[in-house]
């Protein structure tokens, strides 16, 4: 040991090198990146078909101002889907919330049919129980996907870090 007061200390005081690796992608985001393009193609096809039908109605002499508003709002859905698919790899909060909105809309479809289209008749408890079980079977996987995509610890960590550097 030297008596030099300017010599470095023998203890390691350097900070530990921590790898700056982003958290891994949750499986729910991967599922959204697979299901999203399929939905994008299907919804885009439906919008184009509806627009063609609107042109046929116009040829028949129907006032299309309300129809034009309806179809223009439907045309926004593929644009939002496309924007969401481009934002998911960038880990943005807008991509996360658009994905949450999409899954919530998917959940709303069986809920709509359960509550409004085919209301349960209280006189038949077996039919009511069967309809409730069918509703739960079709809804619970999507509720879990919604949780895993937007609200789980992995998803929050994934979307907290930005891929843009």
C-alpha atoms as a PDB file:
ATOM      1  CA  UNK A   1       0.000   0.000   0.000  1.00  0.00           C
ATOM      2  CA  UNK A   2       1.409   3.302  -0.998  1.00  0.00           C
ATOM      3  CA  UNK A   3       1.258   6.442   0.996  1.00  0.00           C
ATOM      4  CA  UNK A   4       0.224   8.453  -2.058  1.00  0.00           C
ATOM      5  CA  UNK A   5      -2.933  10.385  -1.142  1.00  0.00           C
ATOM      6  CA  UNK A   6      -3.877  10.648  -4.824  1.00  0.00           C
ATOM      7  CA  UNK A   7      -3.992   6.923  -5.529  1.00  0.00           C
ATOM      8  CA  UNK A   8      -7.425   5.480  -6.375  1.00  0.00           C
ATOM      9  CA  UNK A   9      -9.261   3.584  -3.698  1.00  0.00           C
ATOM     10  CA  UNK A  10      -9.028  -0.168  -3.699  1.00  0.00           C
ATOM     11  CA  UNK A  11     -12.761  -0.696  -3.339  1.00  0.00           C
ATOM     12  CA  UNK A  12     -14.796  -0.788  -6.522  1.00  0.00           C
ATOM     13  CA  UNK A  13     -16.991   2.296  -6.528  1.00  0.00           C
ATOM     14  CA  UNK A  14     -18.067   2.071 -10.149  1.00  0.00           C
ATOM     15  CA  UNK A  15     -21.740   1.626 -10.869  1.00  0.00           C
ATOM     16  CA  UNK A  16     -22.758  -1.786 -12.021  1.00  0.00           C
ATOM     17  CA  UNK A  17     -23.298  -1.912 -15.739  1.00  0.00           C
ATOM     18  CA  UNK A  18     -26.965  -2.573 -16.319  1.00  0.00           C
ATOM     19  CA  UNK A  19     -28.041  -3.705 -19.722  1.00  0.00           C
ATOM     20  CA  UNK A  20     -30.484  -1.213 -21.214  1.00  0.00           C
ATOM     21  CA  UNK A  21     -32.704  -3.821 -22.754  1.00  0.00           C
ATOM     22  CA  UNK A  22     -36.373  -3.028 -23.141  1.00  0.00           C
ATOM     23  CA  UNK A  23     -38.894  -5.371 -21.563  1.00  0.00           C
ATOM     24  CA  UNK A  24     -40.041  -8.243 -23.767  1.00  0.00           C
ATOM     25  CA  UNK A  25     -43.182  -8.004 -25.830  1.00  0.00           C
ATOM     26  CA  UNK A  26     -46.218  -9.532 -24.096  1.00  0.00           C
ATOM     27  CA  UNK A  27     -48.018 -12.344 -25.894  1.00  0.00           C
ATOM     28  CA  UNK A  28     -51.177 -10.211 -26.045  1.00  0.00           C
ATOM     29  CA  UNK A  29     -49.399  -7.620 -28.197  1.00  0.00           C
ATOM     30  CA  UNK A  30     -48.188 -10.378 -30.516  1.00  0.00           C
ATOM     31  CA  UNK A  31     -51.737 -11.709 -30.797  1.00  0.00           C
ATOM     32  CA  UNK A  32     -52.936  -8.187 -31.628  1.00  0.00           C
ATOM     33  CA  UNK A  33     -50.256  -7.892 -34.315  1.00  0.00           C
ATOM     34  CA  UNK A  34     -51.530 -11.139 -35.850  1.00  0.00           C
ATOM     35  CA  UNK A  35     -55.266 -10.497 -35.478  1.00  0.00           C
ATOM     36  CA  UNK A  36     -55.013  -6.798 -36.395  1.00  0.00           C
ATOM     37  CA  UNK A  37     -54.091  -7.256 -40.077  1.00  0.00           C
ATOM     38  CA  UNK A  38     -56.836  -9.857 -40.498  1.00  0.00           C
ATOM     39  CA  UNK A  39     -59.372  -7.442 -39.033  1.00  0.00           C
ATOM     40  CA  UNK A  40     -57.942  -4.639 -41.150  1.00  0.00           C
ATOM     41  CA  UNK A  41     -58.495  -6.613 -44.356  1.00  0.00           C
ATOM     42  CA  UNK A  42     -62.001  -7.691 -43.320  1.00  0.00           C
ATOM     43  CA  UNK A  43     -63.107  -4.230 -42.242  1.00  0.00           C
ATOM     44  CA  UNK A  44     -61.572  -2.593 -45.313  1.00  0.00           C
ATOM     45  CA  UNK A  45     -63.402  -5.049 -47.538  1.00  0.00           C
ATOM     46  CA  UNK A  46     -66.668  -4.319 -45.715  1.00  0.00           C
ATOM     47  CA  UNK A  47     -66.179  -0.567 -46.068  1.00  0.00           C
ATOM     48  CA  UNK A  48     -65.522  -0.871 -49.803  1.00  0.00           C
ATOM     49  CA  UNK A  49     -68.573  -3.124 -50.252  1.00  0.00           C
ATOM     50  CA  UNK A  50     -70.744  -0.700 -48.290  1.00  0.00           C
ATOM     51  CA  UNK A  51     -69.482   2.191 -50.374  1.00  0.00           C
ATOM     52  CA  UNK A  52     -70.349   0.288 -53.555  1.00  0.00           C
ATOM     53  CA  UNK A  53     -73.832  -0.351 -52.158  1.00  0.00           C
ATOM     54  CA  UNK A  54     -74.163   3.346 -51.414  1.00  0.00           C
ATOM     55  CA  UNK A  55     -73.413   4.108 -55.058  1.00  0.00           C
ATOM     56  CA  UNK A  56     -76.140   1.669 -56.073  1.00  0.00           C
ATOM     57  CA  UNK A  57     -78.606   3.382 -53.749  1.00  0.00           C
ATOM     58  CA  UNK A  58     -77.648   6.741 -55.233  1.00  0.00           C
ATOM     59  CA  UNK A  59     -78.398   5.434 -58.728  1.00  0.00           C
ATOM     60  CA  UNK A  60     -81.832   4.397 -57.429  1.00  0.00           C
ATOM     61  CA  UNK A  61     -82.532   7.983 -56.387  1.00  0.00           C
ATOM     62  CA  UNK A  62     -82.171   7.696 -52.611  1.00  0.00           C
ATOM     63  CA  UNK A  63     -80.905  10.743 -50.705  1.00  0.00           C
ATOM     64  CA  UNK A  64     -77.488   9.684 -49.511  1.00  0.00           C
ATOM     65  CA  UNK A  65     -76.501  12.482 -47.131  1.00  0.00           C
ATOM     66  CA  UNK A  66     -77.119  10.331 -44.034  1.00  0.00           C
ATOM     67  CA  UNK A  67     -75.603   7.305 -45.723  1.00  0.00           C
ATOM     68  CA  UNK A  68     -72.502   9.286 -46.620  1.00  0.00           C
ATOM     69  CA  UNK A  69     -72.036  10.286 -42.979  1.00  0.00           C
ATOM     70  CA  UNK A  70     -72.530   6.691 -41.906  1.00  0.00           C
ATOM     71  CA  UNK A  71     -70.017   5.326 -44.404  1.00  0.00           C
ATOM     72  CA  UNK A  72     -67.461   8.011 -43.713  1.00  0.00           C
ATOM     73  CA  UNK A  73     -67.478   7.074 -40.023  1.00  0.00           C
ATOM     74  CA  UNK A  74     -67.062   3.441 -41.013  1.00  0.00           C
ATOM     75  CA  UNK A  75     -64.086   4.390 -43.176  1.00  0.00           C
ATOM     76  CA  UNK A  76     -62.304   5.769 -40.113  1.00  0.00           C
ATOM     77  CA  UNK A  77     -62.162   2.311 -38.487  1.00  0.00           C
ATOM     78  CA  UNK A  78     -59.610   0.817 -40.943  1.00  0.00           C
ATOM     79  CA  UNK A  79     -57.495   3.948 -40.610  1.00  0.00           C
ATOM     80  CA  UNK A  80     -57.456   3.608 -36.825  1.00  0.00           C
ATOM     81  CA  UNK A  81     -56.611  -0.096 -37.141  1.00  0.00           C
ATOM     82  CA  UNK A  82     -53.743   0.690 -39.489  1.00  0.00           C
ATOM     83  CA  UNK A  83     -52.458   3.435 -37.199  1.00  0.00           C
ATOM     84  CA  UNK A  84     -52.639   1.075 -34.214  1.00  0.00           C
ATOM     85  CA  UNK A  85     -50.648  -1.584 -36.073  1.00  0.00           C
ATOM     86  CA  UNK A  86     -47.915   0.940 -36.860  1.00  0.00           C
ATOM     87  CA  UNK A  87     -47.823   2.230 -33.282  1.00  0.00           C
ATOM     88  CA  UNK A  88     -47.582  -1.125 -31.487  1.00  0.00           C
ATOM     89  CA  UNK A  89     -43.916  -1.785 -32.401  1.00  0.00           C
ATOM     90  CA  UNK A  90     -43.104   1.776 -31.302  1.00  0.00           C
ATOM     91  CA  UNK A  91     -44.651   1.046 -27.892  1.00  0.00           C
ATOM     92  CA  UNK A  92     -46.682   4.252 -27.849  1.00  0.00           C
ATOM     93  CA  UNK A  93     -49.540   4.876 -25.462  1.00  0.00           C
ATOM     94  CA  UNK A  94     -51.839   5.726 -28.362  1.00  0.00           C
ATOM     95  CA  UNK A  95     -51.228   2.291 -29.881  1.00  0.00           C
ATOM     96  CA  UNK A  96     -51.983   0.742 -26.500  1.00  0.00           C
ATOM     97  CA  UNK A  97     -55.264   2.624 -26.103  1.00  0.00           C
ATOM     98  CA  UNK A  98     -56.363   1.920 -29.666  1.00  0.00           C
ATOM     99  CA  UNK A  99     -55.736  -1.775 -29.012  1.00  0.00           C
ATOM    100  CA  UNK A 100     -57.716  -1.589 -25.766  1.00  0.00           C
ATOM    101  CA  UNK A 101     -60.537   0.096 -27.672  1.00  0.00           C
ATOM    102  CA  UNK A 102     -60.500  -2.613 -30.345  1.00  0.00           C
ATOM    103  CA  UNK A 103     -60.664  -5.436 -27.794  1.00  0.00           C
ATOM    104  CA  UNK A 104     -63.447  -3.614 -25.923  1.00  0.00           C
ATOM    105  CA  UNK A 105     -65.420  -3.366 -29.177  1.00  0.00           C
ATOM    106  CA  UNK A 106     -64.893  -7.087 -29.755  1.00  0.00           C
ATOM    107  CA  UNK A 107     -66.251  -7.723 -26.247  1.00  0.00           C
ATOM    108  CA  UNK A 108     -69.225  -5.430 -26.888  1.00  0.00           C
ATOM    109  CA  UNK A 109     -70.559  -7.615 -29.725  1.00  0.00           C
ATOM    110  CA  UNK A 110     -71.556 -10.653 -27.601  1.00  0.00           C
ATOM    111  CA  UNK A 111     -72.742  -8.282 -24.888  1.00  0.00           C
ATOM    112  CA  UNK A 112     -75.021  -6.575 -27.409  1.00  0.00           C
ATOM    113  CA  UNK A 113     -76.494  -9.883 -28.547  1.00  0.00           C
ATOM    114  CA  UNK A 114     -76.845 -11.117 -24.966  1.00  0.00           C
ATOM    115  CA  UNK A 115     -78.662  -8.035 -23.697  1.00  0.00           C
ATOM    116  CA  UNK A 116     -80.537  -6.527 -26.641  1.00  0.00           C
ATOM    117  CA  UNK A 117     -80.984  -8.926 -29.528  1.00  0.00           C
ATOM    118  CA  UNK A 118     -81.847 -12.084 -27.635  1.00  0.00           C
ATOM    119  CA  UNK A 119     -83.025 -11.068 -24.162  1.00  0.00           C
ATOM    120  CA  UNK A 120     -83.334 -13.817 -21.607  1.00  0.00           C
ATOM    121  CA  UNK A 121     -86.854 -14.919 -20.785  1.00  0.00           C
ATOM    122  CA  UNK A 122     -87.191 -15.224 -17.040  1.00  0.00           C
ATOM    123  CA  UNK A 123     -89.670 -18.093 -17.325  1.00  0.00           C
ATOM    124  CA  UNK A 124     -87.031 -20.514 -18.558  1.00  0.00           C
ATOM    125  CA  UNK A 125     -84.153 -20.783 -16.115  1.00  0.00           C
ATOM    126  CA  UNK A 126     -82.392 -23.436 -18.220  1.00  0.00           C
ATOM    127  CA  UNK A 127     -82.405 -21.155 -21.252  1.00  0.00           C
ATOM    128  CA  UNK A 128     -81.203 -18.251 -19.146  1.00  0.00           C
ATOM    129  CA  UNK A 129     -78.378 -20.321 -17.666  1.00  0.00           C
ATOM    130  CA  UNK A 130     -77.377 -21.637 -21.084  1.00  0.00           C
ATOM    131  CA  UNK A 131     -77.310 -18.157 -22.516  1.00  0.00           C
ATOM    132  CA  UNK A 132     -75.296 -16.851 -19.569  1.00  0.00           C
ATOM    133  CA  UNK A 133     -72.771 -19.679 -19.878  1.00  0.00           C
ATOM    134  CA  UNK A 134     -72.490 -19.092 -23.619  1.00  0.00           C
ATOM    135  CA  UNK A 135     -71.948 -15.393 -23.000  1.00  0.00           C
ATOM    136  CA  UNK A 136     -69.217 -16.112 -20.448  1.00  0.00           C
ATOM    137  CA  UNK A 137     -67.507 -18.626 -22.736  1.00  0.00           C
ATOM    138  CA  UNK A 138     -67.391 -16.107 -25.560  1.00  0.00           C
ATOM    139  CA  UNK A 139     -66.457 -13.135 -23.386  1.00  0.00           C
ATOM    140  CA  UNK A 140     -63.998 -14.323 -20.724  1.00  0.00           C
ATOM    141  CA  UNK A 141     -61.101 -15.043 -23.129  1.00  0.00           C
ATOM    142  CA  UNK A 142     -61.438 -11.548 -24.564  1.00  0.00           C
ATOM    143  CA  UNK A 143     -61.573 -10.019 -21.088  1.00  0.00           C
ATOM    144  CA  UNK A 144     -58.331 -11.804 -20.256  1.00  0.00           C
ATOM    145  CA  UNK A 145     -56.815 -10.599 -23.548  1.00  0.00           C
ATOM    146  CA  UNK A 146     -57.903  -7.059 -22.671  1.00  0.00           C
ATOM    147  CA  UNK A 147     -56.205  -7.333 -19.292  1.00  0.00           C
ATOM    148  CA  UNK A 148     -53.035  -8.904 -20.720  1.00  0.00           C
ATOM    149  CA  UNK A 149     -52.830  -6.367 -23.541  1.00  0.00           C
ATOM    150  CA  UNK A 150     -53.368  -3.148 -21.671  1.00  0.00           C
ATOM    151  CA  UNK A 151     -53.330  -3.518 -17.926  1.00  0.00           C
ATOM    152  CA  UNK A 152     -50.980  -6.321 -16.877  1.00  0.00           C
ATOM    153  CA  UNK A 153     -47.593  -5.569 -15.356  1.00  0.00           C
ATOM    154  CA  UNK A 154     -45.796  -6.829 -18.483  1.00  0.00           C
ATOM    155  CA  UNK A 155     -47.938  -4.713 -20.801  1.00  0.00           C
ATOM    156  CA  UNK A 156     -47.517  -1.573 -18.719  1.00  0.00           C
ATOM    157  CA  UNK A 157     -43.739  -2.095 -18.674  1.00  0.00           C
ATOM    158  CA  UNK A 158     -43.714  -2.770 -22.423  1.00  0.00           C
ATOM    159  CA  UNK A 159     -45.640   0.377 -23.289  1.00  0.00           C
ATOM    160  CA  UNK A 160     -43.795   2.486 -20.694  1.00  0.00           C
ATOM    161  CA  UNK A 161     -40.523   2.212 -22.595  1.00  0.00           C
ATOM    162  CA  UNK A 162     -40.345   3.774 -25.992  1.00  0.00           C
ATOM    163  CA  UNK A 163     -38.736   1.986 -28.925  1.00  0.00           C
ATOM    164  CA  UNK A 164     -37.923   5.332 -30.554  1.00  0.00           C
ATOM    165  CA  UNK A 165     -34.372   6.400 -29.810  1.00  0.00           C
END
